Amino acid sequence: MRGRAQREGELASRQDLTRAIDLAIAGDWQGAHRIVQQDEEDATSCWIHAVLHTIEGDTGNARYWYRRAGRSYAAYPDAKAELAAIKATLTS
């Protein structure tokens, strides 16, 4: 089982990404952001990263990560609903 702190460059697992979503929903933006930054190639990680920057209010950065994820910036009007949808894809 993985520890909470991972080596830099190690890919984030589905469990890690689910944890990032839980942290984001709980208001721990920094904790969630640290997790998704571990894997900037994975589409789901990029999607969560995009939502985090939407929550932060950094539209330009959010749009960048949505493009990296292959997702639409305007697909979800609510960040928490979007995070719930991402979590559903990770846990199904």
C-alpha atoms as a PDB file:
ATOM      1  CA  MET A   1       0.000   0.000   0.000  1.00  0.00           C
ATOM      2  CA  ARG A   2       1.277   3.445  -0.855  1.00  0.00           C
ATOM      3  CA  GLY A   3       2.034   6.096   1.705  1.00  0.00           C
ATOM      4  CA  ARG A   4       0.514   9.560   1.408  1.00  0.00           C
ATOM      5  CA  ALA A   5       3.823  11.072   0.368  1.00  0.00           C
ATOM      6  CA  GLN A   6       5.146   9.733  -2.891  1.00  0.00           C
ATOM      7  CA  ARG A   7       8.410  10.160  -4.690  1.00  0.00           C
ATOM      8  CA  GLU A   8       8.420  12.955  -7.237  1.00  0.00           C
ATOM      9  CA  GLY A   9       7.568  11.675 -10.694  1.00  0.00           C
ATOM     10  CA  GLU A  10       5.726   8.583  -9.449  1.00  0.00           C
ATOM     11  CA  LEU A  11       2.364   8.111 -11.148  1.00  0.00           C
ATOM     12  CA  ALA A  12      -0.776   8.739  -9.132  1.00  0.00           C
ATOM     13  CA  SER A  13      -3.043   5.714  -8.642  1.00  0.00           C
ATOM     14  CA  ARG A  14      -6.843   5.651  -8.811  1.00  0.00           C
ATOM     15  CA  GLN A  15      -6.792   5.593  -5.006  1.00  0.00           C
ATOM     16  CA  ASP A  16      -4.552   8.670  -4.940  1.00  0.00           C
ATOM     17  CA  LEU A  17      -6.829  10.507  -7.387  1.00  0.00           C
ATOM     18  CA  THR A  18      -9.901   9.588  -5.349  1.00  0.00           C
ATOM     19  CA  ARG A  19      -8.106  10.966  -2.288  1.00  0.00           C
ATOM     20  CA  ALA A  20      -7.354  14.192  -4.193  1.00  0.00           C
ATOM     21  CA  ILE A  21     -11.061  14.567  -4.959  1.00  0.00           C
ATOM     22  CA  ASP A  22     -12.009  13.954  -1.332  1.00  0.00           C
ATOM     23  CA  LEU A  23      -9.481  16.580  -0.235  1.00  0.00           C
ATOM     24  CA  ALA A  24     -10.782  19.089  -2.788  1.00  0.00           C
ATOM     25  CA  ILE A  25     -14.386  18.568  -1.707  1.00  0.00           C
ATOM     26  CA  ALA A  26     -13.291  19.017   1.935  1.00  0.00           C
ATOM     27  CA  GLY A  27     -11.620  22.312   1.017  1.00  0.00           C
ATOM     28  CA  ASP A  28      -7.981  21.163   1.072  1.00  0.00           C
ATOM     29  CA  TRP A  29      -6.999  22.618  -2.312  1.00  0.00           C
ATOM     30  CA  GLN A  30      -3.260  22.395  -1.607  1.00  0.00           C
ATOM     31  CA  GLY A  31      -3.409  18.736  -0.591  1.00  0.00           C
ATOM     32  CA  ALA A  32      -5.439  17.840  -3.669  1.00  0.00           C
ATOM     33  CA  HIS A  33      -3.124  19.846  -5.909  1.00  0.00           C
ATOM     34  CA  ARG A  34      -0.013  18.088  -4.557  1.00  0.00           C
ATOM     35  CA  ILE A  35      -1.499  14.724  -5.531  1.00  0.00           C
ATOM     36  CA  VAL A  36      -2.529  15.639  -9.070  1.00  0.00           C
ATOM     37  CA  GLN A  37       0.816  17.282  -9.765  1.00  0.00           C
ATOM     38  CA  GLN A  38       2.439  13.853  -9.370  1.00  0.00           C
ATOM     39  CA  ASP A  39       1.077  12.679 -12.725  1.00  0.00           C
ATOM     40  CA  GLU A  40       0.659  15.391 -15.325  1.00  0.00           C
ATOM     41  CA  GLU A  41       0.310  12.908 -18.198  1.00  0.00           C
ATOM     42  CA  ASP A  42      -2.752  10.978 -16.998  1.00  0.00           C
ATOM     43  CA  ALA A  43      -6.010  12.365 -18.426  1.00  0.00           C
ATOM     44  CA  THR A  44      -7.961  11.900 -15.187  1.00  0.00           C
ATOM     45  CA  SER A  45      -5.254  13.580 -13.144  1.00  0.00           C
ATOM     46  CA  CYS A  46      -5.280  16.475 -15.633  1.00  0.00           C
ATOM     47  CA  TRP A  47      -9.070  16.671 -15.362  1.00  0.00           C
ATOM     48  CA  ILE A  48      -8.936  16.952 -11.570  1.00  0.00           C
ATOM     49  CA  HIS A  49      -6.129  19.490 -11.949  1.00  0.00           C
ATOM     50  CA  ALA A  50      -8.399  21.522 -14.235  1.00  0.00           C
ATOM     51  CA  VAL A  51     -11.247  21.520 -11.718  1.00  0.00           C
ATOM     52  CA  LEU A  52      -8.878  22.589  -8.956  1.00  0.00           C
ATOM     53  CA  HIS A  53      -7.794  25.620 -10.953  1.00  0.00           C
ATOM     54  CA  THR A  54     -11.455  26.374 -11.690  1.00  0.00           C
ATOM     55  CA  ILE A  55     -12.107  26.358  -7.939  1.00  0.00           C
ATOM     56  CA  GLU A  56      -9.082  28.600  -7.464  1.00  0.00           C
ATOM     57  CA  GLY A  57     -10.461  31.049 -10.015  1.00  0.00           C
ATOM     58  CA  ASP A  58      -7.505  30.662 -12.385  1.00  0.00           C
ATOM     59  CA  THR A  59      -9.485  30.305 -15.621  1.00  0.00           C
ATOM     60  CA  GLY A  60      -6.483  30.356 -17.955  1.00  0.00           C
ATOM     61  CA  ASN A  61      -4.711  27.576 -16.089  1.00  0.00           C
ATOM     62  CA  ALA A  62      -7.957  25.619 -15.749  1.00  0.00           C
ATOM     63  CA  ARG A  63      -8.534  25.782 -19.506  1.00  0.00           C
ATOM     64  CA  TYR A  64      -4.982  24.551 -20.107  1.00  0.00           C
ATOM     65  CA  TRP A  65      -5.585  21.481 -17.923  1.00  0.00           C
ATOM     66  CA  TYR A  66      -8.996  20.830 -19.496  1.00  0.00           C
ATOM     67  CA  ARG A  67      -7.271  20.749 -22.890  1.00  0.00           C
ATOM     68  CA  ARG A  68      -4.635  18.363 -21.535  1.00  0.00           C
ATOM     69  CA  ALA A  69      -7.440  16.151 -20.184  1.00  0.00           C
ATOM     70  CA  GLY A  70      -9.380  16.231 -23.456  1.00  0.00           C
ATOM     71  CA  ARG A  71     -12.353  17.737 -21.611  1.00  0.00           C
ATOM     72  CA  SER A  72     -14.556  20.784 -22.046  1.00  0.00           C
ATOM     73  CA  TYR A  73     -14.155  23.722 -19.683  1.00  0.00           C
ATOM     74  CA  ALA A  74     -17.884  24.444 -19.758  1.00  0.00           C
ATOM     75  CA  ALA A  75     -19.215  20.884 -19.431  1.00  0.00           C
ATOM     76  CA  TYR A  76     -20.098  21.214 -15.735  1.00  0.00           C
ATOM     77  CA  PRO A  77     -21.505  24.381 -14.172  1.00  0.00           C
ATOM     78  CA  ASP A  78     -20.544  23.272 -10.640  1.00  0.00           C
ATOM     79  CA  ALA A  79     -17.058  22.140  -9.532  1.00  0.00           C
ATOM     80  CA  LYS A  80     -18.343  19.850  -6.758  1.00  0.00           C
ATOM     81  CA  ALA A  81     -20.673  18.084  -9.200  1.00  0.00           C
ATOM     82  CA  GLU A  82     -17.788  17.678 -11.613  1.00  0.00           C
ATOM     83  CA  LEU A  83     -15.558  16.253  -8.883  1.00  0.00           C
ATOM     84  CA  ALA A  84     -18.343  13.815  -7.961  1.00  0.00           C
ATOM     85  CA  ALA A  85     -18.587  12.739 -11.615  1.00  0.00           C
ATOM     86  CA  ILE A  86     -14.825  12.177 -11.785  1.00  0.00           C
ATOM     87  CA  LYS A  87     -14.917  10.190  -8.550  1.00  0.00           C
ATOM     88  CA  ALA A  88     -17.696   8.029  -9.970  1.00  0.00           C
ATOM     89  CA  THR A  89     -15.496   7.159 -12.967  1.00  0.00           C
ATOM     90  CA  LEU A  90     -12.619   6.248 -10.646  1.00  0.00           C
ATOM     91  CA  THR A  91     -14.636   4.076  -8.288  1.00  0.00           C
ATOM     92  CA  SER A  92     -16.903   2.263 -10.752  1.00  0.00           C
END
